[in-house]
């Protein structure tokens, strides 16, 4: 329940929940939506890193989610848009 609400959960704070079975962050993710992006179902592109997936959503939009090692989050955030688009063009298909 708490994990589904996120690391900064308002619910967890409100009920003074205690943490247990915590694990270190291993991956950092970023996502955005595109219109007019042809995706048939759910597509994944898994390799060393970065990894990404795309899925059709409602209103003709496609969500594209990308993940990097958490240790690289700071350098990625220095140029979010540039790194995001470089990742999408790094896979031929």
N, C-alpha and C. Protein backbone atom coordinates (compact mmCIF):
# COMPACT_ATOMS: atom_id res chain seq x y z
N UNK A 1 0.83 -1.19 0.00
CA UNK A 1 0.00 0.00 0.00
C UNK A 1 0.87 1.25 0.00
N UNK A 2 1.82 1.34 0.89
CA UNK A 2 2.64 2.53 0.99
C UNK A 2 3.53 2.66 -0.23
N UNK A 3 4.14 1.55 -0.66
CA UNK A 3 5.02 1.60 -1.81
C UNK A 3 4.28 2.06 -3.06
N UNK A 4 3.03 1.66 -3.20
CA UNK A 4 2.26 2.07 -4.36
C UNK A 4 2.01 3.57 -4.35
N UNK A 5 2.07 4.18 -3.19
CA UNK A 5 1.85 5.62 -3.04
C UNK A 5 3.15 6.39 -3.20
N UNK A 6 4.26 5.71 -3.30
CA UNK A 6 5.54 6.38 -3.54
C UNK A 6 6.37 6.61 -2.30
N UNK A 7 7.62 6.98 -2.53
CA UNK A 7 8.57 7.19 -1.43
C UNK A 7 8.22 8.39 -0.57
N UNK A 8 7.51 9.34 -1.12
CA UNK A 8 7.12 10.53 -0.36
C UNK A 8 5.63 10.49 -0.05
N UNK A 9 5.15 9.33 0.29
CA UNK A 9 3.74 9.08 0.50
C UNK A 9 3.12 9.95 1.60
N UNK A 10 2.07 10.64 1.25
CA UNK A 10 1.30 11.41 2.25
C UNK A 10 0.59 10.48 3.21
N UNK A 11 0.15 9.34 2.68
CA UNK A 11 -0.53 8.36 3.53
C UNK A 11 0.44 7.84 4.60
N UNK A 12 1.65 7.48 4.18
CA UNK A 12 2.64 6.97 5.13
C UNK A 12 2.95 8.00 6.21
N UNK A 13 3.07 9.26 5.83
CA UNK A 13 3.33 10.31 6.80
C UNK A 13 2.15 10.49 7.74
N UNK A 14 0.94 10.44 7.21
CA UNK A 14 -0.25 10.65 8.01
C UNK A 14 -0.44 9.58 9.08
N UNK A 15 -0.07 8.33 8.75
CA UNK A 15 -0.26 7.23 9.71
C UNK A 15 1.03 6.88 10.45
N UNK A 16 2.10 7.66 10.21
CA UNK A 16 3.40 7.45 10.85
C UNK A 16 3.91 6.02 10.60
N UNK A 17 3.81 5.59 9.34
CA UNK A 17 4.23 4.24 8.98
C UNK A 17 5.74 4.08 9.12
N UNK A 18 6.15 2.90 9.53
CA UNK A 18 7.57 2.58 9.67
C UNK A 18 8.05 1.89 8.40
N UNK A 19 9.28 2.14 8.02
CA UNK A 19 9.86 1.51 6.85
C UNK A 19 10.39 0.13 7.20
N UNK A 20 10.28 -0.79 6.27
CA UNK A 20 10.87 -2.12 6.43
C UNK A 20 11.13 -2.68 5.04
N UNK A 21 12.02 -3.60 4.96
CA UNK A 21 12.43 -4.24 3.71
C UNK A 21 12.77 -3.21 2.64
N UNK A 22 13.45 -2.15 3.02
CA UNK A 22 13.86 -1.13 2.05
C UNK A 22 14.98 -1.65 1.19
N UNK A 23 14.98 -1.24 -0.03
CA UNK A 23 16.03 -1.62 -0.97
C UNK A 23 16.56 -0.34 -1.60
N UNK A 24 17.83 -0.33 -1.98
CA UNK A 24 18.39 0.87 -2.61
C UNK A 24 17.79 1.08 -4.00
N UNK A 25 17.73 2.32 -4.41
CA UNK A 25 17.25 2.62 -5.76
C UNK A 25 18.29 2.13 -6.75
N UNK A 26 17.83 1.41 -7.73
CA UNK A 26 18.73 0.89 -8.76
C UNK A 26 18.49 1.54 -10.11
N UNK A 27 17.27 1.98 -10.34
CA UNK A 27 16.94 2.54 -11.64
C UNK A 27 16.18 3.85 -11.47
N UNK A 28 16.39 4.72 -12.40
CA UNK A 28 15.71 6.00 -12.44
C UNK A 28 14.93 6.04 -13.73
N UNK A 29 13.69 6.53 -13.70
CA UNK A 29 12.86 6.50 -14.90
C UNK A 29 12.29 7.88 -15.22
N UNK A 30 11.97 8.07 -16.49
CA UNK A 30 11.35 9.29 -16.98
C UNK A 30 10.37 8.88 -18.06
N UNK A 31 9.23 9.54 -18.13
CA UNK A 31 8.27 9.21 -19.17
C UNK A 31 7.60 10.46 -19.70
N UNK A 32 7.06 10.32 -20.90
CA UNK A 32 6.26 11.38 -21.51
C UNK A 32 5.31 10.74 -22.51
N UNK A 33 4.38 11.53 -23.00
CA UNK A 33 3.38 11.05 -23.95
C UNK A 33 3.60 11.70 -25.31
N UNK A 34 3.31 10.94 -26.36
CA UNK A 34 3.39 11.42 -27.73
C UNK A 34 2.08 11.15 -28.43
N UNK A 35 1.73 12.01 -29.36
CA UNK A 35 0.58 11.72 -30.22
C UNK A 35 1.13 11.33 -31.59
N UNK A 36 0.38 10.48 -32.29
CA UNK A 36 0.78 10.06 -33.62
C UNK A 36 1.95 9.10 -33.66
N UNK A 37 2.27 8.46 -32.56
CA UNK A 37 3.38 7.50 -32.52
C UNK A 37 2.78 6.11 -32.68
N UNK A 38 3.08 5.43 -33.79
CA UNK A 38 2.45 4.12 -34.05
C UNK A 38 3.04 3.02 -33.17
N UNK A 39 2.25 2.56 -32.22
CA UNK A 39 2.66 1.47 -31.34
C UNK A 39 1.55 0.45 -31.34
N UNK A 40 1.92 -0.81 -31.51
CA UNK A 40 0.94 -1.88 -31.50
C UNK A 40 1.05 -2.62 -30.17
N UNK A 41 0.21 -2.28 -29.23
CA UNK A 41 0.24 -2.93 -27.93
C UNK A 41 1.32 -2.34 -27.03
N UNK A 42 2.15 -3.20 -26.46
CA UNK A 42 3.21 -2.80 -25.54
C UNK A 42 4.54 -3.25 -26.12
N UNK A 43 5.44 -2.33 -26.35
CA UNK A 43 6.74 -2.66 -26.93
C UNK A 43 7.84 -2.32 -25.95
N UNK A 44 8.81 -3.21 -25.81
CA UNK A 44 9.95 -2.95 -24.93
C UNK A 44 11.25 -3.04 -25.71
N UNK A 45 12.20 -2.27 -25.27
CA UNK A 45 13.55 -2.29 -25.84
C UNK A 45 14.49 -2.44 -24.65
N UNK A 46 14.87 -3.69 -24.40
CA UNK A 46 15.70 -3.98 -23.23
C UNK A 46 17.10 -4.33 -23.70
N UNK A 47 18.03 -3.62 -23.16
CA UNK A 47 19.46 -3.86 -23.40
C UNK A 47 20.16 -3.45 -22.13
N UNK A 48 21.46 -3.29 -22.16
CA UNK A 48 22.17 -2.92 -20.92
C UNK A 48 21.51 -1.69 -20.29
N UNK A 49 21.66 -0.55 -20.80
CA UNK A 49 20.97 0.68 -20.40
C UNK A 49 21.25 1.71 -21.47
N UNK A 50 20.44 2.61 -21.72
CA UNK A 50 19.10 2.78 -21.15
C UNK A 50 18.12 1.79 -21.75
N UNK A 51 17.04 1.59 -21.02
CA UNK A 51 15.97 0.71 -21.46
C UNK A 51 14.73 1.56 -21.67
N UNK A 52 13.86 1.15 -22.58
CA UNK A 52 12.62 1.88 -22.68
C UNK A 52 11.49 1.02 -23.20
N UNK A 53 10.28 1.51 -22.96
CA UNK A 53 9.08 0.81 -23.38
C UNK A 53 8.07 1.83 -23.87
N UNK A 54 7.17 1.39 -24.74
CA UNK A 54 6.11 2.25 -25.25
C UNK A 54 4.81 1.47 -25.26
N UNK A 55 3.74 2.19 -24.94
CA UNK A 55 2.42 1.56 -24.93
C UNK A 55 1.37 2.57 -25.35
N UNK A 56 0.42 2.10 -26.13
CA UNK A 56 -0.69 2.95 -26.52
C UNK A 56 -1.56 3.22 -25.29
N UNK A 57 -2.01 4.47 -25.15
CA UNK A 57 -2.91 4.83 -24.06
C UNK A 57 -4.21 5.35 -24.67
N UNK A 58 -4.91 6.17 -23.97
CA UNK A 58 -6.16 6.70 -24.50
C UNK A 58 -5.93 7.97 -25.31
N UNK A 59 -6.98 8.41 -26.00
CA UNK A 59 -6.96 9.64 -26.78
C UNK A 59 -5.86 9.67 -27.84
N UNK A 60 -5.46 8.51 -28.35
CA UNK A 60 -4.45 8.46 -29.39
C UNK A 60 -3.04 8.76 -28.93
N UNK A 61 -2.80 8.71 -27.62
CA UNK A 61 -1.47 9.00 -27.08
C UNK A 61 -0.70 7.71 -26.80
N UNK A 62 0.60 7.82 -26.88
CA UNK A 62 1.51 6.72 -26.56
C UNK A 62 2.44 7.18 -25.45
N UNK A 63 2.56 6.36 -24.41
CA UNK A 63 3.50 6.67 -23.34
C UNK A 63 4.82 5.99 -23.65
N UNK A 64 5.91 6.72 -23.48
CA UNK A 64 7.24 6.16 -23.67
C UNK A 64 7.99 6.35 -22.35
N UNK A 65 8.36 5.23 -21.73
CA UNK A 65 9.04 5.23 -20.43
C UNK A 65 10.47 4.77 -20.66
N UNK A 66 11.43 5.50 -20.05
CA UNK A 66 12.84 5.14 -20.17
C UNK A 66 13.44 4.98 -18.79
N UNK A 67 14.41 4.08 -18.68
CA UNK A 67 15.07 3.86 -17.40
C UNK A 67 16.57 3.79 -17.53
N UNK A 68 17.25 4.39 -16.57
CA UNK A 68 18.71 4.40 -16.50
C UNK A 68 19.14 3.96 -15.12
N UNK A 69 20.40 3.55 -14.97
CA UNK A 69 20.88 3.26 -13.62
C UNK A 69 20.74 4.51 -12.75
N UNK A 70 20.33 4.32 -11.52
CA UNK A 70 20.12 5.46 -10.62
C UNK A 70 21.40 6.29 -10.46
N UNK A 71 22.55 5.63 -10.52
CA UNK A 71 23.83 6.34 -10.38
C UNK A 71 24.03 7.38 -11.49
N UNK A 72 23.33 7.23 -12.62
CA UNK A 72 23.47 8.17 -13.74
C UNK A 72 22.37 9.25 -13.76
N UNK A 73 21.51 9.25 -12.76
CA UNK A 73 20.38 10.18 -12.76
C UNK A 73 20.82 11.64 -12.83
N UNK A 74 21.81 12.00 -12.07
CA UNK A 74 22.24 13.40 -12.05
C UNK A 74 22.73 13.86 -13.42
N UNK A 75 23.55 13.06 -14.08
CA UNK A 75 24.05 13.47 -15.39
C UNK A 75 22.92 13.47 -16.43
N UNK A 76 21.98 12.55 -16.30
CA UNK A 76 20.84 12.54 -17.21
C UNK A 76 20.02 13.81 -17.04
N UNK A 77 19.76 14.20 -15.80
CA UNK A 77 18.93 15.37 -15.53
C UNK A 77 19.56 16.67 -16.01
N UNK A 78 20.85 16.67 -16.26
CA UNK A 78 21.52 17.88 -16.75
C UNK A 78 21.00 18.27 -18.13
N UNK A 79 20.49 17.30 -18.90
CA UNK A 79 19.92 17.58 -20.22
C UNK A 79 18.82 16.56 -20.48
N UNK A 80 17.71 16.67 -19.77
CA UNK A 80 16.64 15.69 -19.86
C UNK A 80 16.15 15.52 -21.29
N UNK A 81 15.79 16.60 -21.94
CA UNK A 81 15.24 16.50 -23.29
C UNK A 81 16.24 15.89 -24.27
N UNK A 82 17.47 16.37 -24.24
CA UNK A 82 18.49 15.85 -25.15
C UNK A 82 18.77 14.38 -24.92
N UNK A 83 18.92 13.98 -23.66
CA UNK A 83 19.18 12.58 -23.35
C UNK A 83 18.00 11.69 -23.70
N UNK A 84 16.80 12.19 -23.46
CA UNK A 84 15.59 11.43 -23.79
C UNK A 84 15.54 11.15 -25.29
N UNK A 85 15.73 12.17 -26.11
CA UNK A 85 15.66 11.97 -27.56
C UNK A 85 16.84 11.19 -28.10
N UNK A 86 18.01 11.34 -27.52
CA UNK A 86 19.15 10.52 -27.95
C UNK A 86 18.86 9.05 -27.70
N UNK A 87 18.21 8.76 -26.60
CA UNK A 87 17.87 7.37 -26.29
C UNK A 87 16.89 6.82 -27.31
N UNK A 88 15.88 7.60 -27.68
CA UNK A 88 14.90 7.09 -28.65
C UNK A 88 15.53 6.83 -30.01
N UNK A 89 16.53 7.60 -30.38
CA UNK A 89 17.14 7.40 -31.69
C UNK A 89 18.26 6.36 -31.67
N UNK A 90 18.58 5.83 -30.49
CA UNK A 90 19.67 4.86 -30.39
C UNK A 90 19.22 3.43 -30.74
N UNK A 91 17.93 3.24 -30.94
CA UNK A 91 17.41 1.93 -31.33
C UNK A 91 16.88 2.02 -32.75
N UNK A 92 17.43 1.25 -33.66
CA UNK A 92 17.07 1.38 -35.07
C UNK A 92 15.58 1.24 -35.36
N UNK A 93 14.91 0.29 -34.72
CA UNK A 93 13.50 0.09 -35.03
C UNK A 93 12.64 1.02 -34.21
